[in-house]
Protein backbone atom coordinates (compact mmCIF):
# COMPACT_ATOMS: atom_id res chain seq x y z
CA MET A 1 -22.53 39.53 -5.92
CA LYS A 2 -23.69 36.51 -7.91
CA THR A 3 -23.18 36.25 -11.63
CA ILE A 4 -25.67 34.37 -13.71
CA LYS A 5 -24.33 32.24 -16.54
CA ARG A 6 -26.30 32.55 -19.74
CA PRO A 7 -26.91 29.25 -21.55
CA ASN A 8 -24.97 28.91 -24.77
CA PHE A 9 -26.79 28.71 -28.09
CA LEU A 10 -26.16 24.98 -28.53
CA SER A 11 -27.69 24.17 -25.12
CA VAL A 12 -30.80 26.22 -25.88
CA LEU A 13 -31.15 24.67 -29.34
CA LEU A 14 -30.71 21.13 -27.97
CA ALA A 15 -33.24 21.74 -25.20
CA GLY A 16 -35.74 23.09 -27.73
CA LEU A 17 -35.32 20.10 -30.02
CA LEU A 18 -35.73 17.75 -27.10
CA MET A 19 -38.93 19.44 -26.00
CA LEU A 20 -40.36 19.06 -29.48
CA GLY A 21 -39.32 15.39 -29.59
CA CYS A 22 -40.86 14.66 -26.18
CA LYS A 23 -44.33 15.77 -27.21
CA ALA A 24 -44.77 12.79 -29.53
CA ASP A 25 -46.91 10.02 -28.05
CA PRO A 26 -44.95 6.81 -27.52
CA LYS A 27 -46.42 3.69 -29.07
CA GLN A 28 -48.55 1.77 -26.64
CA ALA A 29 -47.69 -1.90 -26.45
CA THR A 30 -49.22 -4.35 -24.06
CA VAL A 31 -47.80 -7.47 -22.56
CA PRO A 32 -50.15 -10.07 -21.14
CA ASP A 33 -49.79 -10.64 -17.41
CA THR A 34 -50.23 -14.38 -17.31
CA SER A 35 -50.54 -14.46 -13.53
CA SER A 36 -53.69 -12.33 -13.35
CA GLY A 37 -55.03 -12.40 -16.90
CA ILE A 38 -54.83 -8.57 -17.01
CA GLU A 39 -52.89 -6.83 -19.77
CA ILE A 40 -50.39 -4.27 -18.53
CA GLY A 41 -48.62 -1.57 -20.54
CA LYS A 42 -45.13 -2.58 -21.68
CA GLU A 43 -44.04 1.03 -21.55
CA GLU A 44 -44.27 1.72 -17.86
CA GLY A 45 -41.82 3.47 -15.57
CA GLN A 46 -40.28 6.89 -15.38
CA ALA A 47 -38.88 6.65 -18.93
CA PHE A 48 -42.41 7.03 -20.27
CA ILE A 49 -43.51 10.02 -18.21
CA GLN A 50 -43.75 13.10 -20.37
CA ASP A 51 -42.08 16.11 -18.81
CA ASP A 52 -41.61 19.31 -20.74
CA GLY A 53 -40.14 21.24 -17.81
CA SER A 54 -37.05 19.26 -16.78
CA ALA A 55 -33.62 19.24 -18.37
CA PRO A 56 -33.30 16.36 -20.86
CA ASN A 57 -31.94 13.09 -19.54
CA ILE A 58 -29.78 10.62 -21.45
CA LEU A 59 -32.76 8.85 -23.02
CA ASN A 60 -34.33 12.16 -24.13
CA VAL A 61 -31.09 13.23 -25.79
CA ALA A 62 -30.66 9.88 -27.58
CA VAL A 63 -34.27 9.80 -28.81
CA SER A 64 -33.89 13.28 -30.29
CA SER A 65 -30.66 12.45 -32.15
CA PRO A 66 -31.01 11.40 -35.80
CA ASP A 67 -27.56 9.79 -35.55
CA HIS A 68 -28.64 7.37 -32.80
CA THR A 69 -31.86 5.76 -34.09
CA THR A 70 -30.29 2.28 -34.13
CA LEU A 71 -29.08 2.70 -30.54
CA VAL A 72 -32.56 3.82 -29.44
CA ALA A 73 -34.14 0.83 -31.21
CA ALA A 74 -31.69 -1.47 -29.43
CA VAL A 75 -32.42 0.13 -26.04
CA GLN A 76 -36.14 -0.34 -26.65
CA ALA A 77 -35.70 -3.96 -27.80
CA ALA A 78 -33.73 -4.71 -24.62
CA ASP A 79 -36.30 -2.88 -22.42
CA LEU A 80 -33.58 -0.63 -20.95
CA GLU A 81 -35.34 2.73 -21.31
CA ASN A 82 -35.87 3.12 -17.56
CA VAL A 83 -32.18 2.50 -16.89
CA LEU A 84 -31.20 5.53 -18.98
CA VAL A 85 -33.47 7.89 -17.07
CA ASN A 86 -32.49 6.96 -13.52
CA ALA A 87 -30.78 9.56 -11.37
CA GLY A 88 -27.29 8.39 -12.23
CA PRO A 89 -24.89 9.92 -12.81
CA LEU A 90 -24.24 7.79 -15.88
CA MET A 91 -21.79 7.92 -18.76
CA VAL A 92 -23.15 6.38 -21.93
CA PHE A 93 -20.79 5.64 -24.79
CA ALA A 94 -23.29 5.99 -27.62
CA PRO A 95 -22.38 4.39 -30.97
CA THR A 96 -23.68 6.23 -34.02
CA ASN A 97 -25.86 4.62 -36.68
CA ALA A 98 -22.72 4.38 -38.84
CA ALA A 99 -20.98 2.43 -36.05
CA PHE A 100 -23.82 -0.10 -36.02
CA ASP A 101 -23.74 -0.24 -39.84
CA ALA A 102 -20.05 -1.23 -39.66
CA LEU A 103 -20.91 -4.47 -37.83
CA PRO A 104 -21.07 -7.62 -39.96
CA ALA A 105 -24.22 -7.84 -42.10
CA GLY A 106 -27.23 -9.12 -40.16
CA THR A 107 -25.70 -8.58 -36.71
CA VAL A 108 -28.04 -5.77 -35.63
CA GLU A 109 -31.11 -7.48 -37.03
CA ASP A 110 -30.18 -10.69 -35.20
CA LEU A 111 -29.58 -8.87 -31.90
CA LEU A 112 -32.96 -7.12 -32.13
CA LYS A 113 -34.81 -10.47 -32.14
CA PRO A 114 -36.69 -11.18 -28.89
CA GLU A 115 -34.75 -14.39 -28.28
CA ASN A 116 -31.48 -12.37 -28.18
CA LYS A 117 -32.72 -9.77 -25.68
CA ASP A 118 -30.25 -10.84 -22.96
CA ALA A 119 -27.23 -10.71 -25.30
CA LEU A 120 -28.34 -7.30 -26.58
CA ALA A 121 -28.81 -6.00 -23.03
CA ASN A 122 -25.30 -7.21 -22.13
CA ILE A 123 -23.79 -5.36 -25.09
CA LEU A 124 -25.71 -2.17 -24.27
CA LYS A 125 -24.74 -2.31 -20.58
CA PHE A 126 -21.12 -2.61 -21.73
CA HIS A 127 -21.60 0.95 -23.07
CA VAL A 128 -22.65 2.41 -19.68
CA THR A 129 -20.40 3.48 -16.79
CA PRO A 130 -21.41 4.99 -13.46
CA GLY A 131 -20.12 8.56 -13.21
CA ASN A 132 -20.12 11.80 -15.13
CA TYR A 133 -16.65 12.47 -16.51
CA ASP A 134 -15.79 14.64 -19.47
CA LYS A 135 -13.36 13.50 -22.14
CA GLU A 136 -10.44 15.34 -20.53
CA PHE A 137 -10.99 13.68 -17.16
CA LEU A 138 -11.30 10.24 -18.80
CA LYS A 139 -7.66 10.60 -19.88
CA LYS A 140 -6.71 9.83 -16.26
CA PHE A 141 -8.21 6.32 -16.39
CA LYS A 142 -6.68 3.06 -17.63
CA LYS A 143 -10.00 1.18 -17.49
CA LEU A 144 -13.63 1.68 -16.54
CA GLY A 145 -16.04 -0.68 -14.82
CA GLN A 146 -19.13 -1.06 -16.96
CA ALA A 147 -22.77 -1.73 -15.99
CA ASN A 148 -22.49 -5.34 -17.20
CA ASP A 149 -19.80 -6.02 -14.53
CA GLN A 150 -16.95 -6.08 -17.05
CA SER A 151 -14.13 -3.58 -17.56
CA VAL A 152 -13.26 -1.64 -20.67
CA PRO A 153 -9.80 -0.19 -21.40
CA VAL A 154 -9.26 3.55 -21.84
CA GLU A 155 -6.50 4.69 -24.21
CA VAL A 156 -5.23 8.16 -24.98
CA ARG A 157 -3.75 8.78 -28.44
CA GLY A 158 -2.72 12.41 -28.78
CA ASP A 159 -5.83 14.42 -27.96
CA ASP A 160 -8.17 11.51 -28.71
CA VAL A 161 -9.68 9.21 -26.10
CA TYR A 162 -10.64 5.63 -26.98
CA VAL A 163 -12.86 3.53 -24.75
CA GLY A 164 -12.94 -0.15 -25.66
CA GLY A 165 -11.38 0.76 -29.00
CA ALA A 166 -14.15 3.26 -29.77
CA LYS A 167 -13.08 6.87 -30.31
CA ILE A 168 -15.01 9.59 -28.50
CA ILE A 169 -16.07 11.96 -31.28
CA GLY A 170 -18.35 14.23 -29.25
CA SER A 171 -19.97 14.66 -25.86
CA VAL A 172 -23.42 15.88 -24.82
CA PRO A 173 -24.30 16.65 -21.20
CA ALA A 174 -27.62 15.40 -19.82
CA SER A 175 -29.46 15.93 -16.57
CA ASN A 176 -28.42 12.50 -15.28
CA GLY A 177 -24.91 12.25 -16.72
CA ILE A 178 -23.15 12.58 -20.05
CA ILE A 179 -23.29 10.95 -23.45
CA HIS A 180 -19.99 10.35 -25.20
CA VAL A 181 -20.68 9.76 -28.89
CA VAL A 182 -18.39 7.00 -30.18
CA ASP A 183 -17.50 5.75 -33.64
CA LYS A 184 -17.64 2.03 -32.89
CA VAL A 185 -19.86 -0.51 -31.14
CA MET A 186 -17.94 -1.96 -28.21
CA LEU A 187 -18.39 -5.71 -27.86
CA PRO A 188 -17.84 -7.24 -24.42
CA PRO A 189 -15.04 -9.78 -24.11
CA GLN A 190 -16.22 -13.38 -24.07
CA GLU A 191 -15.70 -14.93 -20.66
């Protein structure tokens, strides 16, 4: 006999909020295609397909979070939206707005400039790991290989888990992985 698990209240609430957030029309930007003279939409790819029936992916969850507006703006400035909706599984260590605010004055504004797109993308990729591990399972690791081809240390202090010096303060499952909310922006080591 099969038992059916009922979704918990938080999952239902989160899914409902995400569905409401997904109905908004994304801004339509165009980028000239200099090779053909035809303008193409900047916002192309599976990240921009509206889908009210599927479980929310990492990008959907981030977009719906009022605590991650700076992260979403950074992802958009680096054109990484499609990365966060691929099949994964992915672990995203998502700094809060307060974590970005703790950076030296002007840092975020400077990184959001078009000429710093590559540096911004490198920092954001340093926050992404292949896999789907909860906080408890992460305690078994000493380091993680990040999407920017660098490693980040994992430390356990009591019940707390720190990745790259950033403390995991919450976790949210998504259809293509998991988001670990962190209290600090992790900066890649300079090579």
